[in-house]
Amino acid sequence: MKFFKNLLRDEAGATAIEYGLIAALIAVAAITAMQGLGTQLSTTFSTVSGQLSSANAAA
């Protein structure tokens, strides 16, 4: 019975769970930011590619 009382008082696991939740939130924020950046980069590369194709056809 003493083992279970000590187990209930131990908060080391709770701290690890909190750190895990913080890491998960940071990962979600990073993924969201990178998806937006990826869309912008794709648009930029498409624009540059089109301009290069037009310049090459004119030359």
C-alpha atoms as a PDB file:
ATOM      1  CA  MET A   1       0.000   0.000   0.000  1.00  0.00           C
ATOM      2  CA  LYS A   2       2.893   2.321   0.739  1.00  0.00           C
ATOM      3  CA  PHE A   3       4.131   1.813  -2.835  1.00  0.00           C
ATOM      4  CA  PHE A   4       0.857   3.116  -4.280  1.00  0.00           C
ATOM      5  CA  LYS A   5       0.861   6.166  -1.976  1.00  0.00           C
ATOM      6  CA  ASN A   6       4.394   7.025  -3.098  1.00  0.00           C
ATOM      7  CA  LEU A   7       3.394   6.467  -6.707  1.00  0.00           C
ATOM      8  CA  LEU A   8       0.495   8.908  -6.400  1.00  0.00           C
ATOM      9  CA  ARG A   9       2.734  11.579  -4.850  1.00  0.00           C
ATOM     10  CA  ASP A  10       5.429  11.240  -7.516  1.00  0.00           C
ATOM     11  CA  GLU A  11       5.109  14.142  -9.977  1.00  0.00           C
ATOM     12  CA  ALA A  12       8.051  13.314 -12.274  1.00  0.00           C
ATOM     13  CA  GLY A  13       5.727  11.690 -14.802  1.00  0.00           C
ATOM     14  CA  ALA A  14       3.483  14.749 -14.872  1.00  0.00           C
ATOM     15  CA  THR A  15       6.455  16.956 -15.712  1.00  0.00           C
ATOM     16  CA  ALA A  16       7.447  14.663 -18.579  1.00  0.00           C
ATOM     17  CA  ILE A  17       3.895  14.774 -19.924  1.00  0.00           C
ATOM     18  CA  GLU A  18       3.889  18.583 -19.749  1.00  0.00           C
ATOM     19  CA  TYR A  19       7.152  18.752 -21.693  1.00  0.00           C
ATOM     20  CA  GLY A  20       5.718  16.342 -24.246  1.00  0.00           C
ATOM     21  CA  LEU A  21       2.625  18.514 -24.706  1.00  0.00           C
ATOM     22  CA  ILE A  22       4.763  21.634 -25.132  1.00  0.00           C
ATOM     23  CA  ALA A  23       6.910  19.860 -27.742  1.00  0.00           C
ATOM     24  CA  ALA A  24       3.782  18.717 -29.594  1.00  0.00           C
ATOM     25  CA  LEU A  25       2.381  22.265 -29.683  1.00  0.00           C
ATOM     26  CA  ILE A  26       5.682  23.624 -31.000  1.00  0.00           C
ATOM     27  CA  ALA A  27       5.727  20.918 -33.686  1.00  0.00           C
ATOM     28  CA  VAL A  28       2.179  21.765 -34.792  1.00  0.00           C
ATOM     29  CA  ALA A  29       3.053  25.472 -34.978  1.00  0.00           C
ATOM     30  CA  ALA A  30       6.221  24.730 -36.988  1.00  0.00           C
ATOM     31  CA  ILE A  31       4.366  22.464 -39.433  1.00  0.00           C
ATOM     32  CA  THR A  32       1.679  25.090 -39.964  1.00  0.00           C
ATOM     33  CA  ALA A  33       4.261  27.810 -40.602  1.00  0.00           C
ATOM     34  CA  MET A  34       6.235  25.617 -42.992  1.00  0.00           C
ATOM     35  CA  GLN A  35       3.135  24.712 -44.996  1.00  0.00           C
ATOM     36  CA  GLY A  36       2.395  28.396 -45.546  1.00  0.00           C
ATOM     37  CA  LEU A  37       5.994  29.045 -46.502  1.00  0.00           C
ATOM     38  CA  GLY A  38       5.958  26.069 -48.879  1.00  0.00           C
ATOM     39  CA  THR A  39       2.932  27.464 -50.694  1.00  0.00           C
ATOM     40  CA  GLN A  40       4.611  30.846 -51.085  1.00  0.00           C
ATOM     41  CA  LEU A  41       7.811  29.238 -52.361  1.00  0.00           C
ATOM     42  CA  SER A  42       5.889  27.173 -54.879  1.00  0.00           C
ATOM     43  CA  THR A  43       4.161  30.285 -56.192  1.00  0.00           C
ATOM     44  CA  THR A  44       7.472  32.153 -56.403  1.00  0.00           C
ATOM     45  CA  PHE A  45       9.194  29.342 -58.317  1.00  0.00           C
ATOM     46  CA  SER A  46       6.242  29.034 -60.705  1.00  0.00           C
ATOM     47  CA  THR A  47       6.372  32.771 -61.410  1.00  0.00           C
ATOM     48  CA  VAL A  48      10.126  32.706 -62.021  1.00  0.00           C
ATOM     49  CA  SER A  49       9.800  29.652 -64.245  1.00  0.00           C
ATOM     50  CA  GLY A  50       7.126  31.355 -66.340  1.00  0.00           C
ATOM     51  CA  GLN A  51       9.205  34.501 -66.703  1.00  0.00           C
ATOM     52  CA  LEU A  52      12.274  32.499 -67.698  1.00  0.00           C
ATOM     53  CA  SER A  53      10.248  30.580 -70.282  1.00  0.00           C
ATOM     54  CA  SER A  54       8.914  33.849 -71.729  1.00  0.00           C
ATOM     55  CA  ALA A  55      12.386  35.376 -71.808  1.00  0.00           C
ATOM     56  CA  ASN A  56      13.799  32.248 -73.480  1.00  0.00           C
ATOM     57  CA  ALA A  57      11.046  32.240 -76.120  1.00  0.00           C
ATOM     58  CA  ALA A  58      11.674  35.932 -76.891  1.00  0.00           C
ATOM     59  CA  ALA A  59      15.387  35.396 -77.323  1.00  0.00           C
END
